[in-house]
Protein backbone atom coordinates (compact mmCIF):
# COMPACT_ATOMS: atom_id res chain seq x y z
CA MET A 1 99.31 98.67 124.88
CA SER A 2 95.84 97.44 125.71
CA GLU A 3 92.93 98.39 123.48
CA ALA A 4 90.32 99.51 125.97
CA ALA A 5 86.76 99.50 124.69
CA GLY A 6 85.94 102.82 123.12
CA THR A 7 89.53 104.07 123.20
CA PRO A 8 90.53 105.46 119.76
CA ARG A 9 93.65 104.02 118.22
CA LEU A 10 94.61 107.57 117.17
CA GLU A 11 93.29 110.77 118.67
CA LEU A 12 94.29 114.31 117.72
CA ARG A 13 93.34 117.14 120.03
CA SER A 14 93.47 120.71 118.65
CA LEU A 15 96.64 120.02 116.67
CA ALA A 16 98.19 123.15 115.15
CA LYS A 17 101.26 124.05 113.10
CA SER A 18 102.43 127.30 111.49
CA PHE A 19 105.32 128.08 109.18
CA GLY A 20 106.05 131.75 109.68
CA ALA A 21 102.86 133.63 108.95
CA VAL A 22 101.27 130.61 107.25
CA ARG A 23 98.92 128.63 109.52
CA ALA A 24 99.15 125.22 107.87
CA VAL A 25 97.06 123.29 110.43
CA ARG A 26 94.55 125.09 112.63
CA GLY A 27 93.33 123.25 115.70
CA VAL A 28 92.45 119.92 114.08
CA SER A 29 90.82 117.26 116.25
CA LEU A 30 90.22 113.73 115.01
CA ALA A 31 89.64 110.19 116.32
CA ILE A 32 90.27 106.90 114.48
CA ALA A 33 89.30 103.50 115.90
CA PRO A 34 91.40 100.31 115.75
CA GLY A 35 90.74 98.57 112.44
CA GLU A 36 89.26 101.69 110.83
CA ILE A 37 90.28 102.80 107.34
CA HIS A 38 90.03 106.58 107.44
CA GLY A 39 90.24 108.72 104.31
CA LEU A 40 92.00 112.09 104.41
CA CYS A 41 91.09 114.48 101.58
CA GLY A 42 91.63 118.10 100.66
CA HIS A 43 93.05 120.25 97.91
CA ASN A 44 96.81 120.81 97.65
CA GLY A 45 97.79 123.21 100.42
CA ALA A 46 94.83 122.23 102.63
CA GLY A 47 97.14 121.00 105.41
CA LYS A 48 97.08 117.22 104.79
CA SER A 49 100.83 116.87 104.28
CA THR A 50 101.63 118.93 107.38
CA LEU A 51 99.26 116.80 109.44
CA ILE A 52 100.87 113.60 108.14
CA ASN A 53 104.36 114.98 108.77
CA MET A 54 103.47 115.68 112.40
CA LEU A 55 102.19 112.13 112.83
CA ALA A 56 105.34 110.76 111.16
CA GLY A 57 107.63 112.77 113.43
CA ASN A 58 109.03 114.89 110.59
CA VAL A 59 107.82 118.18 112.09
CA ALA A 60 106.79 119.11 115.62
CA ALA A 61 103.35 120.47 116.43
CA ASP A 62 103.10 124.00 117.80
CA ALA A 63 100.08 123.11 119.92
CA GLY A 64 97.74 120.25 120.64
CA GLU A 65 98.16 116.57 121.43
CA ILE A 66 98.70 113.28 119.59
CA LEU A 67 97.46 110.21 121.45
CA LEU A 68 97.94 106.59 120.43
CA ASP A 69 95.75 104.12 122.30
CA GLY A 70 95.09 106.87 124.83
CA GLU A 71 98.77 107.59 125.49
CA PRO A 72 100.02 111.15 124.72
CA LEU A 73 103.05 111.12 122.45
CA SER A 74 105.81 113.58 121.62
CA PHE A 75 108.23 112.92 118.77
CA ALA A 76 111.79 114.22 118.47
CA GLY A 77 112.02 112.67 115.02
CA PRO A 78 110.75 109.92 112.68
CA ARG A 79 112.39 107.13 114.68
CA ASP A 80 110.31 108.07 117.70
CA ALA A 81 107.13 107.81 115.62
CA GLN A 82 108.27 104.42 114.31
CA ARG A 83 108.98 103.17 117.84
CA ALA A 84 105.48 104.26 118.85
CA GLY A 85 103.96 102.13 116.09
CA ILE A 86 103.30 104.68 113.33
CA ALA A 87 104.40 103.66 109.84
CA THR A 88 104.12 105.81 106.73
CA VAL A 89 104.16 104.75 103.07
CA ASP A 90 104.82 107.85 100.96
CA GLN A 91 103.63 108.38 97.40
CA GLU A 92 107.30 108.43 96.31
CA LEU A 93 108.52 104.85 96.81
CA SER A 94 111.56 104.65 99.11
CA LEU A 95 112.75 101.14 98.27
CA VAL A 96 116.35 100.63 97.13
CA PRO A 97 116.03 99.04 93.66
CA THR A 98 119.34 97.13 93.74
CA LEU A 99 118.67 95.48 97.10
CA SER A 100 116.55 92.37 97.57
CA VAL A 101 112.98 92.41 98.83
CA ALA A 102 114.11 90.99 102.17
CA GLU A 103 116.85 93.58 102.57
CA ASN A 104 114.41 96.40 101.81
CA ILE A 105 111.83 95.10 104.26
CA VAL A 106 114.25 95.07 107.21
CA LEU A 107 116.18 98.18 106.16
CA GLY A 108 115.74 101.00 108.64
CA GLN A 109 113.68 99.07 111.16
CA VAL A 110 114.45 100.33 114.63
CA GLY A 111 116.21 97.67 116.70
CA ALA A 112 115.66 94.93 114.10
CA GLY A 113 119.29 93.87 113.63
CA LEU A 114 118.08 91.50 110.90
CA LEU A 115 120.47 92.74 108.21
CA ARG A 116 123.22 90.84 110.08
CA HIS A 117 121.19 87.61 109.93
CA ALA A 118 120.23 86.89 106.33
CA ARG A 119 118.26 83.72 107.06
CA ARG A 120 116.14 85.40 109.72
CA ALA A 121 115.62 88.40 107.46
CA ARG A 122 114.35 86.21 104.61
CA ARG A 123 112.03 84.30 106.92
CA ARG A 124 110.59 87.50 108.39
CA ALA A 125 110.23 89.02 104.94
CA ALA A 126 108.32 85.95 103.70
CA GLU A 127 105.90 86.25 106.64
CA LEU A 128 105.25 89.92 105.91
CA LEU A 129 104.90 89.36 102.16
CA ALA A 130 102.26 86.72 102.85
CA GLU A 131 100.31 89.27 104.90
CA VAL A 132 99.93 91.50 101.83
CA GLY A 133 99.19 88.67 99.38
CA LEU A 134 102.69 88.29 97.94
CA ASP A 135 103.22 84.64 98.89
CA ASP A 136 104.70 83.98 95.43
CA VAL A 137 107.45 86.63 95.67
CA ASP A 138 110.91 85.31 96.54
CA PRO A 139 112.42 87.48 99.30
CA ASP A 140 115.76 87.27 97.48
CA THR A 141 114.35 88.95 94.36
CA ALA A 142 115.86 92.35 93.55
CA VAL A 143 113.27 95.11 93.87
CA ASP A 144 114.05 96.48 90.40
CA GLU A 145 112.66 93.24 88.93
CA LEU A 146 109.20 93.90 90.41
CA SER A 147 106.25 95.80 88.93
CA ILE A 148 105.32 99.15 90.45
CA GLY A 149 102.24 97.66 92.08
CA THR A 150 104.24 94.86 93.68
CA ARG A 151 106.77 97.40 94.95
CA GLN A 152 103.94 99.32 96.58
CA LEU A 153 102.85 96.14 98.36
CA VAL A 154 106.44 95.55 99.50
CA GLU A 155 106.39 99.07 100.98
CA ILE A 156 103.26 98.14 102.92
CA ALA A 157 104.84 94.87 104.06
CA ARG A 158 107.85 96.82 105.31
CA ALA A 159 105.54 99.14 107.25
CA LEU A 160 103.84 96.13 108.84
CA GLY A 161 107.25 94.83 109.84
CA ARG A 162 107.60 97.87 112.03
CA GLU A 163 104.71 96.49 114.12
CA ALA A 164 102.52 99.39 113.11
CA ARG A 165 99.46 100.27 115.11
CA LEU A 166 98.76 103.11 112.67
CA LEU A 167 99.54 102.81 108.96
CA ILE A 168 99.55 106.01 106.85
CA LEU A 169 99.25 105.57 103.07
CA ASP A 170 99.94 108.74 101.08
CA GLU A 171 98.64 108.48 97.48
CA PRO A 172 99.56 104.78 97.23
CA THR A 173 97.71 104.13 93.94
CA ALA A 174 98.85 107.07 91.79
CA THR A 175 100.90 104.94 89.36
CA LEU A 176 99.11 101.58 89.58
CA THR A 177 96.91 99.60 87.23
CA GLU A 178 93.32 98.68 88.18
CA VAL A 179 94.46 95.14 89.03
CA GLU A 180 97.33 96.40 91.18
CA ILE A 181 95.04 98.90 92.94
CA GLU A 182 92.64 96.13 93.91
CA GLN A 183 95.58 94.07 95.19
CA VAL A 184 96.68 97.02 97.36
CA PHE A 185 93.10 97.46 98.61
CA ARG A 186 92.89 93.78 99.59
CA ALA A 187 96.12 94.18 101.54
CA VAL A 188 94.84 97.34 103.27
CA ARG A 189 91.57 95.66 104.23
CA GLY A 190 93.54 92.72 105.61
CA VAL A 191 95.76 95.04 107.64
CA ALA A 192 92.71 96.79 109.08
CA ALA A 193 91.01 93.48 109.87
CA ARG A 194 93.92 92.66 112.18
CA GLY A 195 93.27 95.84 114.16
CA CYS A 196 95.71 98.29 112.60
CA ALA A 197 94.19 101.74 111.99
CA VAL A 198 94.80 103.11 108.48
CA ILE A 199 94.88 106.67 107.18
CA PHE A 200 94.40 106.69 103.40
CA VAL A 201 95.35 109.95 101.64
CA SER A 202 94.16 110.26 98.04
CA HIS A 203 92.94 112.73 95.44
CA ARG A 204 91.02 109.86 93.79
CA LEU A 205 87.69 110.34 95.47
CA GLY A 206 86.14 107.18 94.04
CA GLU A 207 88.83 105.16 95.78
CA VAL A 208 88.20 106.97 99.06
CA LEU A 209 84.48 106.23 98.90
CA GLY A 210 85.08 102.62 97.88
CA LEU A 211 87.76 101.74 100.44
CA CYS A 212 87.32 103.86 103.54
CA ASP A 213 84.96 103.61 106.51
CA ARG A 214 85.09 107.31 107.33
CA VAL A 215 86.56 110.38 105.69
CA THR A 216 87.95 113.67 106.96
CA VAL A 217 88.21 116.69 104.67
CA MET A 218 90.64 119.53 105.36
CA ARG A 219 90.41 122.98 103.83
CA ASP A 220 92.72 125.90 104.58
CA GLY A 221 94.26 124.03 107.51
CA GLU A 222 90.96 123.19 109.21
CA ARG A 223 88.81 120.08 109.43
CA VAL A 224 85.60 120.88 107.57
CA LEU A 225 84.08 117.41 107.33
CA ASP A 226 84.26 114.15 109.31
CA ALA A 227 81.67 111.64 108.15
CA ASP A 228 80.89 108.02 107.42
CA VAL A 229 81.31 107.30 103.72
CA GLY A 230 78.04 105.31 103.63
CA GLY A 231 75.84 108.37 103.25
CA LEU A 232 78.34 110.55 101.41
CA SER A 233 78.14 111.23 97.67
CA ALA A 234 81.06 112.15 95.44
CA ASP A 235 79.46 115.56 94.79
CA ALA A 236 79.18 116.26 98.52
CA LEU A 237 82.82 115.27 99.00
CA VAL A 238 83.95 117.57 96.19
CA GLU A 239 81.90 120.43 97.62
CA ALA A 240 83.50 119.94 101.04
CA ILE A 241 86.99 119.96 99.51
CA LEU A 242 86.44 123.07 97.40
CA GLY A 243 83.96 124.94 99.58
CA GLU A 244 81.68 125.22 96.56
CA HIS A 245 79.93 123.04 94.03
CA LEU A 246 82.12 122.23 91.04
CA GLN A 247 80.27 122.75 87.77
CA PRO A 248 81.65 120.47 85.04
CA ALA A 249 82.60 122.36 81.90
CA PRO A 250 80.43 121.34 78.95
CA HIS A 251 82.17 119.69 76.03
CA ARG A 252 82.22 121.78 72.91
CA ALA A 253 81.01 120.16 69.72
CA LEU A 254 83.60 120.41 66.95
CA ASP A 255 82.68 122.24 63.78
CA PRO A 256 84.84 120.53 61.10
CA ARG A 257 85.32 123.91 59.45
CA GLU A 258 87.25 125.06 62.54
CA SER A 259 89.95 122.43 62.04
CA THR A 260 92.99 123.58 60.10
CA THR A 261 95.43 121.05 61.59
CA ALA A 262 95.50 117.27 61.28
CA LEU A 263 97.93 114.75 62.74
CA SER A 264 97.88 111.60 60.64
CA VAL A 265 99.33 108.46 62.25
CA GLU A 266 99.75 105.23 60.26
CA SER A 267 100.97 101.91 61.66
CA LEU A 268 102.89 103.39 64.58
CA ALA A 269 104.73 100.55 66.31
CA ILE A 270 107.34 99.84 68.97
CA PRO A 271 108.80 96.32 69.09
CA GLY A 272 107.30 94.40 71.99
CA ARG A 273 105.17 97.33 73.20
CA LEU A 274 102.97 98.89 70.52
CA GLN A 275 101.31 97.32 67.48
CA GLY A 276 100.09 99.31 64.50
CA PHE A 277 98.46 102.38 66.06
CA SER A 278 96.65 104.39 63.36
CA ALA A 279 94.44 107.47 63.74
CA THR A 280 93.66 110.85 62.23
CA LEU A 281 93.59 113.50 64.95
CA LEU A 282 92.11 116.93 64.21
CA GLY A 283 92.99 120.33 65.59
CA GLY A 284 90.36 121.80 67.90
CA ARG A 285 89.54 118.49 69.56
CA VAL A 286 90.64 116.71 72.76
CA TYR A 287 91.51 113.03 72.33
CA GLY A 288 91.89 110.64 75.26
CA LEU A 289 93.97 107.47 75.08
CA ALA A 290 92.54 105.04 77.62
CA GLY A 291 94.42 102.13 79.08
CA GLN A 292 95.92 100.72 82.22
CA VAL A 293 99.62 101.23 82.91
CA GLY A 294 101.53 99.35 80.20
CA ALA A 295 98.59 99.17 77.79
CA GLY A 296 100.39 101.31 75.20
CA ALA A 297 98.77 104.73 75.63
CA SER A 298 101.88 106.37 77.07
CA ASP A 299 104.01 104.65 74.42
CA VAL A 300 101.93 106.31 71.67
CA LEU A 301 102.60 109.77 73.12
CA ARG A 302 106.32 109.18 73.64
CA ALA A 303 106.72 107.82 70.13
CA LEU A 304 104.85 110.78 68.62
CA ALA A 305 107.12 113.10 70.62
CA GLY A 306 110.22 111.47 69.09
CA LEU A 307 111.37 109.91 72.35
CA VAL A 308 111.44 106.27 71.19
CA PRO A 309 114.32 105.53 68.77
CA ALA A 310 112.88 102.10 67.90
CA ALA A 311 109.48 103.49 66.82
CA THR A 312 108.37 102.85 63.24
CA GLY A 313 105.45 104.03 61.15
CA ARG A 314 104.37 107.12 59.20
CA VAL A 315 103.33 110.31 60.97
CA ARG A 316 102.40 113.55 59.20
CA LEU A 317 101.43 116.92 60.64
CA GLY A 318 99.63 118.62 57.80
CA GLU A 319 101.95 118.20 54.83
CA ARG A 320 105.08 117.59 56.93
CA ARG A 321 106.48 114.15 57.67
CA LEU A 322 107.59 113.88 61.30
CA PRO A 323 110.94 112.11 61.80
CA LEU A 324 110.27 109.42 64.41
CA GLY A 325 113.01 108.98 66.98
CA ASN A 326 114.20 112.59 66.70
CA ALA A 327 112.71 114.57 69.60
CA ALA A 328 114.41 117.86 68.74
CA ALA A 329 113.24 117.77 65.12
CA ILE A 330 109.68 116.84 66.07
CA SER A 331 109.57 119.63 68.66
CA SER A 332 110.68 122.12 66.01
CA CYS A 333 107.80 120.92 63.84
CA GLY A 334 105.31 122.11 66.45
CA VAL A 335 104.80 119.15 68.79
CA GLY A 336 104.83 119.76 72.56
CA PHE A 337 105.09 116.91 75.05
CA VAL A 338 104.25 116.91 78.78
CA SER A 339 105.57 113.84 80.61
CA GLY A 340 103.57 111.92 83.20
CA ASP A 341 106.51 112.35 85.59
CA ARG A 342 106.76 116.11 85.91
CA LYS A 343 109.66 116.02 88.39
CA ALA A 344 111.91 113.57 86.53
CA GLU A 345 111.15 114.56 82.94
CA GLY A 346 109.37 117.89 82.94
CA LEU A 347 110.24 120.58 85.41
CA PHE A 348 113.56 122.02 86.47
CA ILE A 349 112.63 121.79 90.14
CA SER A 350 115.35 124.06 91.54
CA ARG A 351 114.87 126.74 88.86
CA SER A 352 112.37 129.57 89.02
CA ILE A 353 108.75 129.41 87.90
CA LEU A 354 109.62 132.08 85.33
CA GLU A 355 112.37 129.95 83.77
CA ASN A 356 110.17 126.85 83.72
CA LEU A 357 107.37 128.70 81.96
CA THR A 358 109.52 130.32 79.29
CA VAL A 359 111.98 127.51 78.50
CA ALA A 360 110.00 126.31 75.46
CA GLN A 361 109.76 129.83 74.04
CA LEU A 362 113.38 131.02 74.25
CA GLY A 363 113.49 131.89 70.56
CA ARG A 364 110.71 134.40 71.13
CA ILE A 365 112.27 136.12 74.14
CA ALA A 366 116.00 136.03 73.29
CA ARG A 367 117.58 139.35 72.37
CA GLY A 368 120.92 139.27 70.55
CA GLY A 369 121.41 135.66 71.62
CA ARG A 370 120.90 136.52 75.28
CA ILE A 371 118.06 135.34 77.49
CA GLY A 372 116.50 137.32 80.30
CA GLY A 373 115.44 140.86 80.97
CA ALA A 374 112.15 142.56 80.34
CA ALA A 375 111.11 140.35 77.40
CA GLU A 376 111.40 137.15 79.43
CA ARG A 377 109.58 138.62 82.42
CA ARG A 378 106.78 140.01 80.25
CA ARG A 379 106.31 136.65 78.53
CA GLY A 380 106.48 134.83 81.87
CA ARG A 381 103.69 136.99 83.27
CA GLU A 382 101.55 136.31 80.19
CA LEU A 383 102.09 132.55 80.44
CA ALA A 384 101.51 132.49 84.20
CA ALA A 385 98.23 134.36 83.77
CA ALA A 386 97.15 132.01 80.97
CA ALA A 387 98.07 128.94 83.04
CA ASP A 388 96.49 130.29 86.26
CA VAL A 389 99.85 130.23 88.07
CA PRO A 390 100.43 133.01 90.66
CA THR A 391 102.17 135.82 88.76
CA GLU A 392 103.61 137.30 91.97
CA ARG A 393 105.66 134.12 92.58
CA LEU A 394 107.60 133.98 89.31
CA ASP A 395 111.00 134.22 91.00
CA GLU A 396 110.36 131.35 93.42
CA PRO A 397 111.62 127.82 92.65
CA VAL A 398 108.91 125.85 90.88
CA GLY A 399 109.44 123.06 93.42
CA VAL A 400 107.71 125.08 96.16
CA LEU A 401 104.40 125.05 94.26
CA SER A 402 101.64 122.53 94.94
CA GLY A 403 101.38 119.56 92.60
CA GLY A 404 98.52 121.19 90.73
CA ASN A 405 100.37 124.46 90.19
CA GLN A 406 103.50 122.58 89.11
CA GLN A 407 101.46 120.78 86.48
CA LYS A 408 99.88 124.04 85.31
CA ALA A 409 103.34 125.61 85.02
CA LEU A 410 104.46 122.68 82.88
CA LEU A 411 101.44 123.02 80.60
CA GLY A 412 101.93 126.78 80.55
CA ARG A 413 105.05 126.39 78.43
CA TYR A 414 102.87 125.48 75.47
CA LEU A 415 100.08 127.99 75.92
CA LEU A 416 99.97 131.16 73.80
CA HIS A 417 102.63 129.46 71.67
CA SER A 418 101.95 130.04 67.99
CA GLY A 419 104.50 127.37 67.05
CA VAL A 420 102.79 124.50 68.89
CA GLU A 421 100.19 122.69 66.82
CA VAL A 422 100.06 119.38 68.74
CA LEU A 423 100.03 119.02 72.53
CA LEU A 424 100.70 115.54 73.94
CA VAL A 425 100.04 115.11 77.68
CA ASP A 426 100.68 111.94 79.67
CA GLU A 427 98.55 111.54 82.84
CA PRO A 428 97.68 115.27 83.03
CA THR A 429 96.39 115.29 86.62
CA ARG A 430 98.38 112.57 88.40
CA GLY A 431 98.71 113.58 92.06
CA VAL A 432 96.61 116.73 91.56
CA ASP A 433 93.65 117.67 93.75
CA VAL A 434 90.09 118.06 92.47
CA GLY A 435 90.32 121.85 92.09
CA GLY A 436 93.65 121.71 90.24
CA ARG A 437 92.28 118.91 88.11
CA ALA A 438 89.37 121.06 86.89
CA ALA A 439 91.75 123.95 86.11
CA ILE A 440 94.11 121.69 84.13
CA HIS A 441 91.22 120.22 82.16
CA GLU A 442 90.13 123.73 81.24
CA LEU A 443 93.68 124.60 80.09
CA LEU A 444 93.64 121.62 77.75
CA ARG A 445 90.20 122.54 76.43
CA GLU A 446 91.44 126.08 75.83
CA ALA A 447 94.44 124.74 73.90
CA ALA A 448 91.99 122.84 71.68
CA ARG A 449 89.87 125.96 71.25
CA GLN A 450 92.98 127.69 69.96
CA GLY A 451 93.21 125.03 67.24
CA GLN A 452 95.78 122.64 68.72
CA VAL A 453 95.50 118.87 68.42
CA VAL A 454 95.31 117.82 72.09
CA VAL A 455 96.02 114.18 72.93
CA PHE A 456 96.24 112.92 76.51
CA ALA A 457 96.75 109.49 78.04
CA SER A 458 95.10 108.57 81.32
CA SER A 459 94.53 105.46 83.40
CA GLU A 460 91.58 107.17 85.16
CA LEU A 461 88.21 106.46 83.57
CA ASP A 462 86.55 109.46 85.19
CA GLU A 463 89.15 111.80 83.71
CA LEU A 464 88.73 110.28 80.26
CA LEU A 465 84.98 110.75 80.43
CA GLU A 466 85.25 114.32 81.74
CA LEU A 467 87.86 115.56 79.28
CA GLY A 468 87.97 113.34 76.19
CA GLU A 469 85.83 114.33 73.22
CA THR A 470 87.03 111.21 71.44
CA ILE A 471 88.33 108.27 73.50
CA ILE A 472 90.57 105.57 72.03
CA THR A 473 90.84 102.46 74.19
CA MET A 474 94.02 100.37 74.26
CA ARG A 475 95.14 97.08 75.72
CA SER A 476 98.32 95.03 75.24
CA GLY A 477 99.73 97.62 72.83
CA ARG A 478 96.74 97.63 70.47
CA VAL A 479 93.71 99.82 69.83
CA ILE A 480 90.54 97.97 70.78
CA GLY A 481 87.89 100.68 70.41
CA THR A 482 87.07 104.29 69.60
CA TYR A 483 84.27 106.19 71.33
CA ALA A 484 82.65 109.58 70.83
CA GLU A 485 81.10 111.63 73.61
CA GLY A 486 78.27 110.01 75.53
CA THR A 487 79.93 106.67 76.24
CA THR A 488 79.59 105.30 79.74
CA ARG A 489 82.09 104.29 82.36
CA GLU A 490 80.81 100.72 82.17
CA GLU A 491 81.43 100.55 78.41
CA LEU A 492 85.01 101.75 78.77
CA LEU A 493 85.75 99.50 81.72
CA SER A 494 84.37 96.47 79.89
CA ASP A 495 86.41 97.33 76.81
CA LEU A 496 89.64 97.77 78.75
CA THR A 497 89.39 94.67 80.91
CA HIS A 498 87.47 92.03 78.98
CA ARG A 499 87.38 92.58 75.27
CA GLU A 500 89.99 90.90 73.09
CA GLY A 501 90.97 91.84 69.57
CA ALA A 502 92.40 94.60 67.47
CA ALA A 503 91.17 98.01 66.46
CA ALA A 504 87.47 98.60 66.08
């Protein structure tokens, strides 16, 4: 297909899609040039996923046109979109861990036939790996031996192998370290430099402004902004996403007299992962553990929650000694844990919102050993209201909620819970839009105001600075610094990436 001057690589004309009475996409028009990296932003439920699914051939548009290099297209399914030159890399990696890199790269390619020719498959895989900066990866390596960031690059290489004219990246950096993110960005810029158009979907607005040439914002199914990123501020982008200016909640100074709870941690360690973490954490305060993926922050939370049998050290909650390695006993002592992977380790996706909210408070709602009835529903409504989850949807499966509402439902288990004194939260807003992020931050602040010790781990510096009242920086399994409010992004970044040594 020739690339005539001025012809957009992708053009959408009044694209629309409804699901029953819900108008998910309302007459969206958009043009993206060859070689352009185009950001797509919006809160959960804004219509981004539906738009992407139409481009990927997963759902059919009700009205409007999709044109690629000026040619109108109609997809009967994903294979048609792939044949047309549209490749999608979803936020949930689709690689098969037990297969080799080469096998994964050629798997599912329309008309490739390379799985029957191992030598050709390896050669083609090596060419594609080189395009994304993975010259040193052996195509015969099993995918489960690779880091998450490298797997993400393999996903992009596989998309390139489908001779993509349009590459769609849906939240590709959600689980990556800063180094891995930059590696992905280099690969994306290289892809664009060769003429492939890129749609980059992310809730991380700093990444959008740093990587993309232009950005489109959707709200309530409509396009509300299409602008060059050069003259666009983060505040203006947030305002376009929310439809209003987001006022950051002020941090509340802690009065030591308010604190009646203290979590004392001495020499917490995990062989090969965590070295001698010590801290005294007070009720009524929000503590942030800062570090890239693998730095040890998540390990601290999991060990404190009793989920690491090999953990050693001394941990006391008030006068009680917490038995490390015993999750049930630690939970009964008043420690709540929210995993960074809400689908795999947190929510019961097929069960109702009501059941997911009340599961941590069954002792309160059980009557005669039986669960359910008016007591459960009353408590569910209270928790939903406290967590800002729609109370009229309690009987729906929690899996139908947006990512932000799923995370609020998970946190809601531990709200209004007199037995919870410590709340441990790993990556509290991963995959959550800017509006949901603000609501979740406020829930954690409210838990602290109720006297809980709140400790969260995050790989996002902006989140640490917004939410953390005390920030503990970690690298290579060790504490390297402790900061009170007022620290800068530059100080934290320097600490996490350059400074060597043990606890400050």
